[in-house]
Amino acid sequence: MRLRGDCMVNSLRGKHLLTLGDGRSFEVNESFAFLWKVAAEAGEFTSETLAEALVSNYEISPEEASSEAAGTIKLWQENSLTEQ
């Protein structure tokens, strides 16, 4: 899957903003911004791609990383932030 091309996450002064194609913006947390960056740089990504990045960047178990990655992807899909 891929992220929608008209959405982006920008970081400024420790804040992370998700900006949608229609101009609306939402503050997101650090892990959301991190996973967004990983997914955007990968182009095509899977839950495993995101989980591996979480394990590498944060001191969490593979199980916790898998759960976090799956939950984030579900959130993105529910809010139409991904494309197949």
N, C-alpha and C. Protein backbone atom coordinates (compact mmCIF):
# COMPACT_ATOMS: atom_id res chain seq x y z
N MET A 1 0.84 -1.17 0.00
CA MET A 1 0.00 0.00 0.00
C MET A 1 0.89 1.23 0.00
N ARG A 2 0.30 2.38 -0.29
CA ARG A 2 1.02 3.66 -0.34
C ARG A 2 0.21 4.71 0.40
N LEU A 3 0.90 5.77 0.82
CA LEU A 3 0.22 6.92 1.39
C LEU A 3 -0.38 7.75 0.27
N ARG A 4 -1.46 8.44 0.56
CA ARG A 4 -2.03 9.37 -0.42
C ARG A 4 -1.00 10.44 -0.73
N GLY A 5 -0.89 10.79 -1.99
CA GLY A 5 0.11 11.75 -2.42
C GLY A 5 -0.19 13.18 -2.04
N ASP A 6 -1.44 13.48 -1.69
CA ASP A 6 -1.80 14.87 -1.37
C ASP A 6 -1.81 15.16 0.13
N CYS A 7 -1.20 14.29 0.91
CA CYS A 7 -1.11 14.48 2.35
C CYS A 7 0.36 14.47 2.76
N MET A 8 0.68 15.24 3.79
CA MET A 8 2.07 15.24 4.27
C MET A 8 2.12 15.57 5.74
N VAL A 9 3.21 15.17 6.35
CA VAL A 9 3.47 15.52 7.75
C VAL A 9 4.67 16.45 7.76
N ASN A 10 4.50 17.59 8.41
CA ASN A 10 5.58 18.56 8.59
C ASN A 10 5.85 18.72 10.07
N SER A 11 7.11 18.94 10.39
CA SER A 11 7.49 19.13 11.78
C SER A 11 8.11 20.52 11.94
N LEU A 12 7.67 21.21 12.99
CA LEU A 12 8.18 22.54 13.26
C LEU A 12 8.13 22.79 14.76
N ARG A 13 9.28 23.14 15.33
CA ARG A 13 9.37 23.46 16.76
C ARG A 13 8.81 22.34 17.65
N GLY A 14 9.12 21.12 17.30
CA GLY A 14 8.69 19.99 18.11
C GLY A 14 7.25 19.57 17.92
N LYS A 15 6.52 20.22 17.04
CA LYS A 15 5.13 19.86 16.73
C LYS A 15 5.10 19.18 15.37
N HIS A 16 4.21 18.23 15.22
CA HIS A 16 4.05 17.50 13.96
C HIS A 16 2.63 17.71 13.45
N LEU A 17 2.52 18.17 12.21
CA LEU A 17 1.20 18.44 11.63
C LEU A 17 0.99 17.59 10.39
N LEU A 18 -0.14 16.89 10.36
CA LEU A 18 -0.59 16.18 9.17
C LEU A 18 -1.45 17.16 8.39
N THR A 19 -1.05 17.44 7.16
CA THR A 19 -1.81 18.35 6.30
C THR A 19 -2.44 17.55 5.18
N LEU A 20 -3.75 17.65 5.06
CA LEU A 20 -4.50 16.94 4.02
C LEU A 20 -4.55 17.78 2.76
N GLY A 21 -4.89 17.14 1.65
CA GLY A 21 -4.97 17.81 0.37
C GLY A 21 -5.95 18.96 0.33
N ASP A 22 -6.95 18.95 1.18
CA ASP A 22 -7.94 20.04 1.19
C ASP A 22 -7.51 21.19 2.09
N GLY A 23 -6.30 21.12 2.66
CA GLY A 23 -5.78 22.21 3.47
C GLY A 23 -5.98 22.05 4.97
N ARG A 24 -6.80 21.10 5.39
CA ARG A 24 -6.99 20.89 6.82
C ARG A 24 -5.72 20.30 7.42
N SER A 25 -5.42 20.67 8.66
CA SER A 25 -4.24 20.16 9.36
C SER A 25 -4.63 19.63 10.73
N PHE A 26 -3.90 18.61 11.16
CA PHE A 26 -4.14 17.99 12.45
C PHE A 26 -2.80 17.73 13.12
N GLU A 27 -2.72 18.04 14.40
CA GLU A 27 -1.49 17.73 15.13
C GLU A 27 -1.44 16.23 15.39
N VAL A 28 -0.28 15.62 15.16
CA VAL A 28 -0.09 14.19 15.37
C VAL A 28 1.11 14.00 16.31
N ASN A 29 1.20 12.83 16.89
CA ASN A 29 2.29 12.58 17.82
C ASN A 29 3.57 12.15 17.09
N GLU A 30 4.64 12.02 17.85
CA GLU A 30 5.95 11.72 17.28
C GLU A 30 5.99 10.37 16.56
N SER A 31 5.38 9.35 17.13
CA SER A 31 5.43 8.03 16.48
C SER A 31 4.63 8.03 15.18
N PHE A 32 3.50 8.75 15.14
CA PHE A 32 2.74 8.89 13.90
C PHE A 32 3.62 9.55 12.84
N ALA A 33 4.28 10.66 13.21
CA ALA A 33 5.15 11.37 12.27
C ALA A 33 6.30 10.50 11.81
N PHE A 34 6.88 9.73 12.72
CA PHE A 34 7.98 8.84 12.37
C PHE A 34 7.51 7.78 11.36
N LEU A 35 6.39 7.12 11.67
CA LEU A 35 5.90 6.08 10.76
C LEU A 35 5.48 6.67 9.42
N TRP A 36 4.94 7.87 9.41
CA TRP A 36 4.57 8.52 8.16
C TRP A 36 5.81 8.72 7.30
N LYS A 37 6.89 9.20 7.91
CA LYS A 37 8.14 9.43 7.19
C LYS A 37 8.67 8.12 6.62
N VAL A 38 8.66 7.07 7.41
CA VAL A 38 9.13 5.76 6.95
C VAL A 38 8.30 5.29 5.76
N ALA A 39 6.99 5.39 5.87
CA ALA A 39 6.09 4.95 4.80
C ALA A 39 6.28 5.79 3.55
N ALA A 40 6.42 7.10 3.71
CA ALA A 40 6.60 7.99 2.57
C ALA A 40 7.91 7.70 1.84
N GLU A 41 8.96 7.48 2.59
CA GLU A 41 10.26 7.19 1.98
C GLU A 41 10.28 5.83 1.30
N ALA A 42 9.52 4.88 1.85
CA ALA A 42 9.48 3.53 1.27
C ALA A 42 8.66 3.50 -0.02
N GLY A 43 7.70 4.40 -0.14
CA GLY A 43 6.79 4.34 -1.29
C GLY A 43 5.73 3.29 -1.03
N GLU A 44 6.05 2.06 -1.34
CA GLU A 44 5.19 0.92 -1.02
C GLU A 44 5.62 0.40 0.36
N PHE A 45 4.66 0.15 1.24
CA PHE A 45 5.01 -0.31 2.58
C PHE A 45 4.00 -1.35 3.05
N THR A 46 4.41 -2.09 4.06
CA THR A 46 3.55 -3.08 4.72
C THR A 46 3.63 -2.83 6.22
N SER A 47 2.81 -3.53 6.95
CA SER A 47 2.86 -3.47 8.40
C SER A 47 4.24 -3.90 8.91
N GLU A 48 4.82 -4.89 8.24
CA GLU A 48 6.14 -5.38 8.64
C GLU A 48 7.21 -4.30 8.43
N THR A 49 7.10 -3.53 7.35
CA THR A 49 8.04 -2.44 7.09
C THR A 49 8.03 -1.46 8.25
N LEU A 50 6.84 -1.08 8.67
CA LEU A 50 6.71 -0.11 9.76
C LEU A 50 7.16 -0.70 11.09
N ALA A 51 6.82 -1.96 11.34
CA ALA A 51 7.22 -2.61 12.60
C ALA A 51 8.73 -2.69 12.71
N GLU A 52 9.41 -3.04 11.63
CA GLU A 52 10.87 -3.12 11.65
C GLU A 52 11.49 -1.76 11.95
N ALA A 53 10.93 -0.71 11.40
CA ALA A 53 11.43 0.64 11.66
C ALA A 53 11.23 1.02 13.12
N LEU A 54 10.10 0.64 13.69
CA LEU A 54 9.85 0.93 15.10
C LEU A 54 10.85 0.22 16.01
N VAL A 55 11.11 -1.05 15.72
CA VAL A 55 12.07 -1.81 16.52
C VAL A 55 13.45 -1.18 16.42
N SER A 56 13.83 -0.74 15.22
CA SER A 56 15.14 -0.13 15.02
C SER A 56 15.28 1.23 15.69
N ASN A 57 14.20 1.99 15.75
CA ASN A 57 14.28 3.36 16.23
C ASN A 57 13.92 3.51 17.71
N TYR A 58 13.03 2.67 18.20
CA TYR A 58 12.59 2.75 19.58
C TYR A 58 12.93 1.44 20.29
N GLU A 59 13.09 1.47 21.54
CA GLU A 59 13.41 0.26 22.30
C GLU A 59 12.13 -0.46 22.69
N ILE A 60 11.50 -1.09 21.69
CA ILE A 60 10.27 -1.85 21.95
C ILE A 60 10.42 -3.24 21.35
N SER A 61 9.60 -4.14 21.83
CA SER A 61 9.66 -5.52 21.36
C SER A 61 9.04 -5.63 19.96
N PRO A 62 9.41 -6.66 19.23
CA PRO A 62 8.80 -6.88 17.91
C PRO A 62 7.27 -7.02 17.99
N GLU A 63 6.78 -7.62 19.07
CA GLU A 63 5.34 -7.80 19.23
C GLU A 63 4.64 -6.44 19.40
N GLU A 64 5.22 -5.60 20.26
CA GLU A 64 4.66 -4.27 20.48
C GLU A 64 4.73 -3.44 19.20
N ALA A 65 5.85 -3.56 18.47
CA ALA A 65 6.01 -2.83 17.21
C ALA A 65 4.99 -3.28 16.18
N SER A 66 4.74 -4.58 16.10
CA SER A 66 3.75 -5.10 15.15
C SER A 66 2.36 -4.57 15.48
N SER A 67 2.02 -4.54 16.75
CA SER A 67 0.72 -4.04 17.18
C SER A 67 0.58 -2.55 16.86
N GLU A 68 1.62 -1.77 17.14
CA GLU A 68 1.61 -0.33 16.87
C GLU A 68 1.50 -0.06 15.36
N ALA A 69 2.26 -0.80 14.57
CA ALA A 69 2.24 -0.61 13.11
C ALA A 69 0.86 -0.96 12.55
N ALA A 70 0.30 -2.08 12.99
CA ALA A 70 -1.02 -2.49 12.50
C ALA A 70 -2.08 -1.47 12.90
N GLY A 71 -2.01 -0.96 14.12
CA GLY A 71 -2.97 0.04 14.58
C GLY A 71 -2.85 1.34 13.80
N THR A 72 -1.64 1.74 13.49
CA THR A 72 -1.43 2.97 12.72
C THR A 72 -1.96 2.81 11.30
N ILE A 73 -1.68 1.69 10.68
CA ILE A 73 -2.19 1.45 9.32
C ILE A 73 -3.71 1.43 9.33
N LYS A 74 -4.31 0.80 10.32
CA LYS A 74 -5.78 0.77 10.42
C LYS A 74 -6.32 2.20 10.52
N LEU A 75 -5.70 3.03 11.34
CA LEU A 75 -6.11 4.43 11.49
C LEU A 75 -5.98 5.16 10.15
N TRP A 76 -4.88 4.95 9.46
CA TRP A 76 -4.68 5.59 8.15
C TRP A 76 -5.76 5.15 7.17
N GLN A 77 -6.05 3.85 7.14
CA GLN A 77 -7.06 3.34 6.21
C GLN A 77 -8.45 3.88 6.55
N GLU A 78 -8.78 3.89 7.82
CA GLU A 78 -10.10 4.39 8.25
C GLU A 78 -10.30 5.86 7.88
N ASN A 79 -9.22 6.60 7.77
CA ASN A 79 -9.28 8.03 7.44
C ASN A 79 -8.87 8.32 6.00
N SER A 80 -8.86 7.29 5.18
CA SER A 80 -8.56 7.39 3.75
C SER A 80 -7.23 8.09 3.47
N LEU A 81 -6.21 7.74 4.24
CA LEU A 81 -4.89 8.32 4.04
C LEU A 81 -3.97 7.42 3.23
N THR A 82 -4.48 6.24 2.84
CA THR A 82 -3.69 5.31 2.04
C THR A 82 -4.37 5.01 0.72
N GLU A 83 -3.55 4.48 -0.19
CA GLU A 83 -4.04 4.00 -1.48
C GLU A 83 -3.53 2.57 -1.63
N GLN A 84 -4.29 1.75 -2.32
CA GLN A 84 -3.83 0.40 -2.55
C GLN A 84 -2.95 0.36 -3.70
